[in-house]
Amino acid sequence: MKMKAFLVVLALAAATLPADGAGEKKSLYDRLGGKDAITAVVDDFVANVAADKRINAFFAKTDIPHLKSELVDQLCAGTGGPCTYTGKDMKTAHAGMGVATKDFNALVQDLSKSLKKFKVPIKDQRELVAILAPMKKDIVEKK
């Protein structure tokens, strides 16, 4: 499934999740705090990755401001926000990089560290990881 179609499905699913309020529905995007909060998490996450010797070599020649912008849009759209992700699908973006399962897991650990730092509730962390986890098959090339 193409990333855009995948994200549309996820956005629709996230928009139907019940919120804490009586009868009102709140997307994961709103529960996370909107685009500003997502941007703060992405900034911290990218800093974690840059400091992570296990995987930072994958990003040595990356345009970091562009990467951050794409990640924000991808997370914003995927969690039910108003953004549109216009970047490459994950298979194309990661083709030939040689990403292994251990590398993907390190990236998830770096994201988890940022989510904990910003005190994102465990339920919302799990929901976000559930949105991102299916991308693993398109990113990982080596088991």
C-alpha atoms as a PDB file:
ATOM      1  CA  MET A   1       0.000   0.000   0.000  1.00  0.00           C
ATOM      2  CA  LYS A   2       1.356   3.427  -0.870  1.00  0.00           C
ATOM      3  CA  MET A   3       2.305   5.614   2.113  1.00  0.00           C
ATOM      4  CA  LYS A   4      -0.271   8.315   1.322  1.00  0.00           C
ATOM      5  CA  ALA A   5      -3.115   5.792   1.173  1.00  0.00           C
ATOM      6  CA  PHE A   6      -1.813   4.122   4.323  1.00  0.00           C
ATOM      7  CA  LEU A   7      -1.710   7.443   6.161  1.00  0.00           C
ATOM      8  CA  VAL A   8      -5.226   8.354   5.030  1.00  0.00           C
ATOM      9  CA  VAL A   9      -6.529   5.074   6.458  1.00  0.00           C
ATOM     10  CA  LEU A  10      -4.646   5.693   9.707  1.00  0.00           C
ATOM     11  CA  ALA A  11      -5.918   9.257   9.939  1.00  0.00           C
ATOM     12  CA  LEU A  12      -9.500   8.075   9.522  1.00  0.00           C
ATOM     13  CA  ALA A  13      -9.011   5.376  12.136  1.00  0.00           C
ATOM     14  CA  ALA A  14      -7.397   7.788  14.600  1.00  0.00           C
ATOM     15  CA  ALA A  15     -10.228  10.295  14.172  1.00  0.00           C
ATOM     16  CA  THR A  16     -12.752   7.756  15.451  1.00  0.00           C
ATOM     17  CA  LEU A  17     -10.962   6.964  18.703  1.00  0.00           C
ATOM     18  CA  PRO A  18     -12.857   7.881  21.851  1.00  0.00           C
ATOM     19  CA  ALA A  19     -11.440  10.691  23.951  1.00  0.00           C
ATOM     20  CA  ASP A  20     -11.512  11.200  27.690  1.00  0.00           C
ATOM     21  CA  GLY A  21     -14.556  13.505  27.388  1.00  0.00           C
ATOM     22  CA  ALA A  22     -18.088  12.157  27.405  1.00  0.00           C
ATOM     23  CA  GLY A  23     -19.104  11.152  23.892  1.00  0.00           C
ATOM     24  CA  GLU A  24     -16.530  13.402  22.236  1.00  0.00           C
ATOM     25  CA  LYS A  25     -13.945  11.940  19.860  1.00  0.00           C
ATOM     26  CA  LYS A  26     -10.385  13.157  19.879  1.00  0.00           C
ATOM     27  CA  SER A  27      -7.702  12.147  17.415  1.00  0.00           C
ATOM     28  CA  LEU A  28      -4.270  10.979  18.492  1.00  0.00           C
ATOM     29  CA  TYR A  29      -2.988  14.192  16.861  1.00  0.00           C
ATOM     30  CA  ASP A  30      -5.057  16.246  19.326  1.00  0.00           C
ATOM     31  CA  ARG A  31      -4.164  14.028  22.284  1.00  0.00           C
ATOM     32  CA  LEU A  32      -0.470  14.455  21.450  1.00  0.00           C
ATOM     33  CA  GLY A  33      -0.876  18.235  21.550  1.00  0.00           C
ATOM     34  CA  GLY A  34      -1.053  19.113  17.858  1.00  0.00           C
ATOM     35  CA  LYS A  35       1.638  20.139  15.418  1.00  0.00           C
ATOM     36  CA  ASP A  36       3.757  22.138  17.884  1.00  0.00           C
ATOM     37  CA  ALA A  37       3.992  19.169  20.243  1.00  0.00           C
ATOM     38  CA  ILE A  38       4.758  16.773  17.386  1.00  0.00           C
ATOM     39  CA  THR A  39       7.467  19.166  16.170  1.00  0.00           C
ATOM     40  CA  ALA A  40       9.031  19.246  19.648  1.00  0.00           C
ATOM     41  CA  VAL A  41       9.047  15.444  19.838  1.00  0.00           C
ATOM     42  CA  VAL A  42      10.545  15.162  16.327  1.00  0.00           C
ATOM     43  CA  ASP A  43      13.278  17.688  17.184  1.00  0.00           C
ATOM     44  CA  ASP A  44      14.198  15.705  20.299  1.00  0.00           C
ATOM     45  CA  PHE A  45      13.932  12.375  18.470  1.00  0.00           C
ATOM     46  CA  VAL A  46      16.263  13.512  15.672  1.00  0.00           C
ATOM     47  CA  ALA A  47      18.748  14.717  18.305  1.00  0.00           C
ATOM     48  CA  ASN A  48      18.556  11.280  19.964  1.00  0.00           C
ATOM     49  CA  VAL A  49      19.228   9.584  16.623  1.00  0.00           C
ATOM     50  CA  ALA A  50      22.147  11.927  15.904  1.00  0.00           C
ATOM     51  CA  ALA A  51      23.710  10.948  19.240  1.00  0.00           C
ATOM     52  CA  ASP A  52      23.001   7.234  18.764  1.00  0.00           C
ATOM     53  CA  LYS A  53      26.209   5.611  17.475  1.00  0.00           C
ATOM     54  CA  ARG A  54      24.259   2.475  16.560  1.00  0.00           C
ATOM     55  CA  ILE A  55      22.395   4.244  13.739  1.00  0.00           C
ATOM     56  CA  ASN A  56      23.568   7.824  13.217  1.00  0.00           C
ATOM     57  CA  ALA A  57      25.738   6.834  10.236  1.00  0.00           C
ATOM     58  CA  PHE A  58      22.530   6.215   8.251  1.00  0.00           C
ATOM     59  CA  PHE A  59      21.822   9.952   8.510  1.00  0.00           C
ATOM     60  CA  ALA A  60      25.327  11.328   7.896  1.00  0.00           C
ATOM     61  CA  LYS A  61      24.445  12.809   4.504  1.00  0.00           C
ATOM     62  CA  THR A  62      20.814  13.611   5.255  1.00  0.00           C
ATOM     63  CA  ASP A  63      19.297  17.079   4.917  1.00  0.00           C
ATOM     64  CA  ILE A  64      18.217  17.211   8.573  1.00  0.00           C
ATOM     65  CA  PRO A  65      15.824  20.207   8.336  1.00  0.00           C
ATOM     66  CA  HIS A  66      14.055  18.482   5.417  1.00  0.00           C
ATOM     67  CA  LEU A  67      13.944  15.184   7.318  1.00  0.00           C
ATOM     68  CA  LYS A  68      12.394  16.899  10.352  1.00  0.00           C
ATOM     69  CA  SER A  69       9.788  18.612   8.192  1.00  0.00           C
ATOM     70  CA  GLU A  70       8.864  15.324   6.493  1.00  0.00           C
ATOM     71  CA  LEU A  71       8.672  13.486   9.831  1.00  0.00           C
ATOM     72  CA  VAL A  72       6.415  16.157  11.314  1.00  0.00           C
ATOM     73  CA  ASP A  73       4.083  16.014   8.313  1.00  0.00           C
ATOM     74  CA  GLN A  74       4.081  12.220   8.327  1.00  0.00           C
ATOM     75  CA  LEU A  75       3.277  11.990  12.046  1.00  0.00           C
ATOM     76  CA  CYS A  76       0.776  14.836  11.850  1.00  0.00           C
ATOM     77  CA  ALA A  77      -1.118  13.197   8.974  1.00  0.00           C
ATOM     78  CA  GLY A  78      -0.820   9.687  10.386  1.00  0.00           C
ATOM     79  CA  THR A  79      -2.282  10.668  13.735  1.00  0.00           C
ATOM     80  CA  GLY A  80      -5.308  12.467  12.308  1.00  0.00           C
ATOM     81  CA  GLY A  81      -3.948  15.997  11.976  1.00  0.00           C
ATOM     82  CA  PRO A  82      -4.424  18.467   9.123  1.00  0.00           C
ATOM     83  CA  CYS A  83      -1.010  17.919   7.504  1.00  0.00           C
ATOM     84  CA  THR A  84      -0.294  16.200   4.223  1.00  0.00           C
ATOM     85  CA  TYR A  85       2.723  13.957   3.863  1.00  0.00           C
ATOM     86  CA  THR A  86       4.240  14.438   0.413  1.00  0.00           C
ATOM     87  CA  GLY A  87       7.484  12.545   0.907  1.00  0.00           C
ATOM     88  CA  LYS A  88       8.564   9.248  -0.574  1.00  0.00           C
ATOM     89  CA  ASP A  89       6.992   5.970   0.444  1.00  0.00           C
ATOM     90  CA  MET A  90       9.117   4.124   3.011  1.00  0.00           C
ATOM     91  CA  LYS A  91      10.291   1.382   0.630  1.00  0.00           C
ATOM     92  CA  THR A  92      11.650   3.935  -1.868  1.00  0.00           C
ATOM     93  CA  ALA A  93      13.119   6.194   0.825  1.00  0.00           C
ATOM     94  CA  HIS A  94      15.080   3.360   2.441  1.00  0.00           C
ATOM     95  CA  ALA A  95      15.993   1.259  -0.616  1.00  0.00           C
ATOM     96  CA  GLY A  96      19.625   0.201  -0.624  1.00  0.00           C
ATOM     97  CA  MET A  97      20.364   1.546   2.847  1.00  0.00           C
ATOM     98  CA  GLY A  98      20.831  -1.910   4.355  1.00  0.00           C
ATOM     99  CA  VAL A  99      18.692  -1.212   7.421  1.00  0.00           C
ATOM    100  CA  ALA A 100      18.565  -4.248   9.706  1.00  0.00           C
ATOM    101  CA  THR A 101      15.983  -5.134  12.329  1.00  0.00           C
ATOM    102  CA  LYS A 102      18.407  -4.062  15.076  1.00  0.00           C
ATOM    103  CA  ASP A 103      18.729  -0.633  13.415  1.00  0.00           C
ATOM    104  CA  PHE A 104      14.962  -0.225  13.205  1.00  0.00           C
ATOM    105  CA  ASN A 105      14.647  -1.251  16.860  1.00  0.00           C
ATOM    106  CA  ALA A 106      17.291   1.330  17.848  1.00  0.00           C
ATOM    107  CA  LEU A 107      15.280   4.013  16.047  1.00  0.00           C
ATOM    108  CA  VAL A 108      12.126   2.971  17.910  1.00  0.00           C
ATOM    109  CA  GLN A 109      14.056   3.158  21.202  1.00  0.00           C
ATOM    110  CA  ASP A 110      15.178   6.694  20.346  1.00  0.00           C
ATOM    111  CA  LEU A 111      11.572   7.684  19.608  1.00  0.00           C
ATOM    112  CA  SER A 112      10.378   6.059  22.825  1.00  0.00           C
ATOM    113  CA  LYS A 113      12.946   8.074  24.779  1.00  0.00           C
ATOM    114  CA  SER A 114      11.531  11.305  23.312  1.00  0.00           C
ATOM    115  CA  LEU A 115       7.919  10.296  23.964  1.00  0.00           C
ATOM    116  CA  LYS A 116       8.771   9.555  27.604  1.00  0.00           C
ATOM    117  CA  LYS A 117      10.645  12.858  27.940  1.00  0.00           C
ATOM    118  CA  PHE A 118       7.522  14.720  26.814  1.00  0.00           C
ATOM    119  CA  LYS A 119       5.358  12.610  29.130  1.00  0.00           C
ATOM    120  CA  VAL A 120       3.206  11.178  26.357  1.00  0.00           C
ATOM    121  CA  PRO A 121       0.787   8.739  28.028  1.00  0.00           C
ATOM    122  CA  ILE A 122       1.614   5.048  27.513  1.00  0.00           C
ATOM    123  CA  LYS A 123      -1.696   4.461  25.686  1.00  0.00           C
ATOM    124  CA  ASP A 124      -0.849   7.183  23.165  1.00  0.00           C
ATOM    125  CA  GLN A 125       2.743   5.929  22.829  1.00  0.00           C
ATOM    126  CA  ARG A 126       1.434   2.463  21.993  1.00  0.00           C
ATOM    127  CA  GLU A 127      -1.034   3.876  19.496  1.00  0.00           C
ATOM    128  CA  LEU A 128       1.690   5.871  17.768  1.00  0.00           C
ATOM    129  CA  VAL A 129       4.024   2.878  17.622  1.00  0.00           C
ATOM    130  CA  ALA A 130       1.134   0.792  16.209  1.00  0.00           C
ATOM    131  CA  ILE A 131       0.824   3.360  13.400  1.00  0.00           C
ATOM    132  CA  LEU A 132       4.566   3.273  12.686  1.00  0.00           C
ATOM    133  CA  ALA A 133       5.225  -0.472  13.162  1.00  0.00           C
ATOM    134  CA  PRO A 134       3.744  -1.566   9.795  1.00  0.00           C
ATOM    135  CA  MET A 135       6.382   0.569   8.080  1.00  0.00           C
ATOM    136  CA  LYS A 136       9.075  -1.819   9.320  1.00  0.00           C
ATOM    137  CA  LYS A 137       8.513  -4.232   6.422  1.00  0.00           C
ATOM    138  CA  ASP A 138       9.274  -1.444   3.946  1.00  0.00           C
ATOM    139  CA  ILE A 139      12.313  -0.104   5.823  1.00  0.00           C
ATOM    140  CA  VAL A 140      14.179  -3.209   7.002  1.00  0.00           C
ATOM    141  CA  GLU A 141      16.208  -4.999   4.321  1.00  0.00           C
ATOM    142  CA  LYS A 142      18.246  -7.329   6.538  1.00  0.00           C
ATOM    143  CA  LYS A 143      16.813  -9.480   9.272  1.00  0.00           C
END
